[in-house]
């Protein structure tokens, strides 16, 4: 079974927010998933959409797979490095600001029997 993948690393969004979008499209056909992502209001939807479009392009150009037979076999968001920043607080104290990053992986596979 042929699989095409795309990985988007160091995305400036927390993995928790990205996983909410990933859960919505897991198991869908690639065309249907791209359409659903287009109309989702979340910031992560645009990031997942671009990564999925890249995976579809990889499947078509590098592996000669049909766009109509592709589906989202695996999609997940892992935690990337955390940027630790500071903001001055009251009475000379330090207030930490945590900027989380993510690594998004999309794997598309071809449906059997088509």
C-alpha atoms as a PDB file:
ATOM      1  CA  UNK A   1       0.000   0.000   0.000  1.00  0.00           C
ATOM      2  CA  UNK A   2       1.455   3.343  -1.063  1.00  0.00           C
ATOM      3  CA  UNK A   3       1.552   6.206   1.401  1.00  0.00           C
ATOM      4  CA  UNK A   4       2.354   9.870   0.887  1.00  0.00           C
ATOM      5  CA  UNK A   5       3.345  12.095   3.751  1.00  0.00           C
ATOM      6  CA  UNK A   6       3.947  15.742   4.573  1.00  0.00           C
ATOM      7  CA  UNK A   7       5.475  17.121   7.760  1.00  0.00           C
ATOM      8  CA  UNK A   8       5.185  20.697   8.977  1.00  0.00           C
ATOM      9  CA  UNK A   9       7.619  21.429  11.809  1.00  0.00           C
ATOM     10  CA  UNK A  10       7.968  24.277  14.306  1.00  0.00           C
ATOM     11  CA  UNK A  11       4.421  25.582  13.837  1.00  0.00           C
ATOM     12  CA  UNK A  12       3.646  28.422  16.260  1.00  0.00           C
ATOM     13  CA  UNK A  13       0.475  26.942  17.744  1.00  0.00           C
ATOM     14  CA  UNK A  14       0.038  24.631  20.699  1.00  0.00           C
ATOM     15  CA  UNK A  15      -0.361  20.923  19.928  1.00  0.00           C
ATOM     16  CA  UNK A  16      -3.590  20.800  21.937  1.00  0.00           C
ATOM     17  CA  UNK A  17      -5.267  23.332  19.631  1.00  0.00           C
ATOM     18  CA  UNK A  18      -3.934  21.566  16.539  1.00  0.00           C
ATOM     19  CA  UNK A  19      -5.196  18.156  17.720  1.00  0.00           C
ATOM     20  CA  UNK A  20      -8.765  19.484  17.884  1.00  0.00           C
ATOM     21  CA  UNK A  21      -8.614  20.133  14.136  1.00  0.00           C
ATOM     22  CA  UNK A  22      -6.809  16.857  13.365  1.00  0.00           C
ATOM     23  CA  UNK A  23      -9.517  14.828  15.100  1.00  0.00           C
ATOM     24  CA  UNK A  24     -12.172  16.307  12.800  1.00  0.00           C
ATOM     25  CA  UNK A  25     -10.568  15.119   9.537  1.00  0.00           C
ATOM     26  CA  UNK A  26      -9.027  11.780  10.555  1.00  0.00           C
ATOM     27  CA  UNK A  27     -10.281   8.978   8.273  1.00  0.00           C
ATOM     28  CA  UNK A  28     -11.929  11.265   5.682  1.00  0.00           C
ATOM     29  CA  UNK A  29     -11.105  11.266   2.008  1.00  0.00           C
ATOM     30  CA  UNK A  30      -8.502  13.877   1.106  1.00  0.00           C
ATOM     31  CA  UNK A  31     -10.881  15.984  -1.000  1.00  0.00           C
ATOM     32  CA  UNK A  32     -13.575  15.980   1.680  1.00  0.00           C
ATOM     33  CA  UNK A  33     -11.054  16.843   4.403  1.00  0.00           C
ATOM     34  CA  UNK A  34      -9.732  19.831   2.429  1.00  0.00           C
ATOM     35  CA  UNK A  35     -13.286  21.101   1.945  1.00  0.00           C
ATOM     36  CA  UNK A  36     -14.120  20.741   5.650  1.00  0.00           C
ATOM     37  CA  UNK A  37     -10.906  22.513   6.662  1.00  0.00           C
ATOM     38  CA  UNK A  38     -11.669  25.401   4.321  1.00  0.00           C
ATOM     39  CA  UNK A  39     -14.765  26.328   6.348  1.00  0.00           C
ATOM     40  CA  UNK A  40     -13.466  25.738   9.882  1.00  0.00           C
ATOM     41  CA  UNK A  41     -12.920  28.925  11.928  1.00  0.00           C
ATOM     42  CA  UNK A  42      -9.888  27.690  13.903  1.00  0.00           C
ATOM     43  CA  UNK A  43      -6.386  28.994  13.247  1.00  0.00           C
ATOM     44  CA  UNK A  44      -5.107  25.419  13.083  1.00  0.00           C
ATOM     45  CA  UNK A  45      -7.437  24.583  10.190  1.00  0.00           C
ATOM     46  CA  UNK A  46      -5.376  26.670   7.757  1.00  0.00           C
ATOM     47  CA  UNK A  47      -2.143  25.046   8.930  1.00  0.00           C
ATOM     48  CA  UNK A  48      -3.565  21.519   8.586  1.00  0.00           C
ATOM     49  CA  UNK A  49      -5.065  22.415   5.188  1.00  0.00           C
ATOM     50  CA  UNK A  50      -1.721  23.582   3.782  1.00  0.00           C
ATOM     51  CA  UNK A  51       0.071  20.502   5.086  1.00  0.00           C
ATOM     52  CA  UNK A  52      -2.614  18.201   3.678  1.00  0.00           C
ATOM     53  CA  UNK A  53      -2.465  19.948   0.292  1.00  0.00           C
ATOM     54  CA  UNK A  54       1.291  19.330   0.300  1.00  0.00           C
ATOM     55  CA  UNK A  55       0.731  15.629   1.052  1.00  0.00           C
ATOM     56  CA  UNK A  56      -1.768  15.390  -1.828  1.00  0.00           C
ATOM     57  CA  UNK A  57       0.745  17.044  -4.161  1.00  0.00           C
ATOM     58  CA  UNK A  58       3.450  14.611  -2.993  1.00  0.00           C
ATOM     59  CA  UNK A  59       1.124  11.681  -3.711  1.00  0.00           C
ATOM     60  CA  UNK A  60       0.275  12.908  -7.206  1.00  0.00           C
ATOM     61  CA  UNK A  61       3.727  14.018  -8.348  1.00  0.00           C
ATOM     62  CA  UNK A  62       6.123  11.665  -6.587  1.00  0.00           C
ATOM     63  CA  UNK A  63       4.109   8.460  -6.320  1.00  0.00           C
ATOM     64  CA  UNK A  64       1.637   8.717  -9.247  1.00  0.00           C
ATOM     65  CA  UNK A  65      -1.411   8.147  -7.024  1.00  0.00           C
ATOM     66  CA  UNK A  66      -4.924   9.281  -7.965  1.00  0.00           C
ATOM     67  CA  UNK A  67      -6.261  12.218  -5.951  1.00  0.00           C
ATOM     68  CA  UNK A  68      -9.752  10.651  -5.775  1.00  0.00           C
ATOM     69  CA  UNK A  69      -8.516   7.456  -4.071  1.00  0.00           C
ATOM     70  CA  UNK A  70      -6.596   9.160  -1.240  1.00  0.00           C
ATOM     71  CA  UNK A  71      -7.755   9.283   2.366  1.00  0.00           C
ATOM     72  CA  UNK A  72      -6.282  10.534   5.633  1.00  0.00           C
ATOM     73  CA  UNK A  73      -4.719   7.380   7.075  1.00  0.00           C
ATOM     74  CA  UNK A  74      -2.813   9.070   9.915  1.00  0.00           C
ATOM     75  CA  UNK A  75      -2.694  12.635  11.174  1.00  0.00           C
ATOM     76  CA  UNK A  76      -1.152  13.785  14.426  1.00  0.00           C
ATOM     77  CA  UNK A  77       0.389  16.810  16.130  1.00  0.00           C
ATOM     78  CA  UNK A  78       3.367  16.357  18.443  1.00  0.00           C
ATOM     79  CA  UNK A  79       4.891  18.933  20.744  1.00  0.00           C
ATOM     80  CA  UNK A  80       7.851  20.886  19.442  1.00  0.00           C
ATOM     81  CA  UNK A  81      10.293  23.000  21.421  1.00  0.00           C
ATOM     82  CA  UNK A  82       8.872  25.443  23.946  1.00  0.00           C
ATOM     83  CA  UNK A  83       9.950  29.082  23.809  1.00  0.00           C
ATOM     84  CA  UNK A  84      10.254  30.524  27.289  1.00  0.00           C
ATOM     85  CA  UNK A  85       9.775  34.282  27.439  1.00  0.00           C
ATOM     86  CA  UNK A  86       9.288  36.652  30.332  1.00  0.00           C
ATOM     87  CA  UNK A  87       7.144  39.624  31.173  1.00  0.00           C
ATOM     88  CA  UNK A  88       7.791  41.938  34.068  1.00  0.00           C
ATOM     89  CA  UNK A  89       5.230  41.559  36.833  1.00  0.00           C
ATOM     90  CA  UNK A  90       4.199  43.691  39.765  1.00  0.00           C
ATOM     91  CA  UNK A  91       6.760  44.527  42.471  1.00  0.00           C
ATOM     92  CA  UNK A  92       9.736  43.458  40.356  1.00  0.00           C
ATOM     93  CA  UNK A  93       8.595  39.903  39.847  1.00  0.00           C
ATOM     94  CA  UNK A  94       9.029  37.670  36.807  1.00  0.00           C
ATOM     95  CA  UNK A  95       5.966  36.393  34.922  1.00  0.00           C
ATOM     96  CA  UNK A  96       6.766  33.499  32.557  1.00  0.00           C
ATOM     97  CA  UNK A  97       5.194  33.294  29.114  1.00  0.00           C
ATOM     98  CA  UNK A  98       5.297  29.858  27.477  1.00  0.00           C
ATOM     99  CA  UNK A  99       5.101  29.810  23.651  1.00  0.00           C
ATOM    100  CA  UNK A 100       4.394  26.261  22.525  1.00  0.00           C
ATOM    101  CA  UNK A 101       5.251  24.917  19.065  1.00  0.00           C
ATOM    102  CA  UNK A 102       4.061  21.819  17.198  1.00  0.00           C
ATOM    103  CA  UNK A 103       5.170  19.297  14.614  1.00  0.00           C
ATOM    104  CA  UNK A 104       2.282  18.250  12.329  1.00  0.00           C
ATOM    105  CA  UNK A 105       2.416  15.003  10.337  1.00  0.00           C
ATOM    106  CA  UNK A 106      -0.121  14.009   7.668  1.00  0.00           C
ATOM    107  CA  UNK A 107      -0.010  10.570   6.021  1.00  0.00           C
ATOM    108  CA  UNK A 108      -2.337   9.841   3.112  1.00  0.00           C
ATOM    109  CA  UNK A 109      -2.965   6.328   1.804  1.00  0.00           C
ATOM    110  CA  UNK A 110      -4.750   4.946  -1.233  1.00  0.00           C
ATOM    111  CA  UNK A 111      -8.095   3.197  -0.742  1.00  0.00           C
ATOM    112  CA  UNK A 112      -8.231  -0.429  -1.815  1.00  0.00           C
ATOM    113  CA  UNK A 113     -10.786  -1.661  -4.327  1.00  0.00           C
ATOM    114  CA  UNK A 114     -11.185   1.465  -6.456  1.00  0.00           C
END
